Amino acid sequence: MIIFWYWELFTSCYWDLAFF
C-alpha cells in the first residue's frame, strides 16, 4: 500500500530530525 510506504518514509524523516 502506498499509504504505508508514505508513512514509513515520513516516520523515518521524523526520527532523523528527532535524533539529529
Protein backbone atom coordinates (compact mmCIF):
# COMPACT_ATOMS: atom_id res chain seq x y z
CA MET A 1 0.00 0.00 0.00
CA ILE A 2 1.29 3.44 -0.92
CA ILE A 3 -0.05 4.98 2.29
CA PHE A 4 2.01 2.54 4.33
CA TRP A 5 5.12 3.36 2.29
CA TYR A 6 4.50 7.08 2.71
CA TRP A 7 4.01 6.62 6.46
CA GLU A 8 7.31 4.73 6.72
CA LEU A 9 9.09 7.50 4.83
CA PHE A 10 7.50 10.21 6.97
CA THR A 11 8.33 8.49 10.25
CA SER A 12 11.91 7.92 9.07
CA CYS A 13 12.42 11.62 8.46
CA TYR A 14 10.70 12.45 11.75
CA TRP A 15 13.01 10.19 13.75
CA ASP A 16 16.06 11.53 11.90
CA LEU A 17 15.06 15.05 12.89
CA ALA A 18 14.36 13.93 16.45
CA PHE A 19 17.82 12.40 16.91
CA PHE A 20 19.70 14.97 14.86
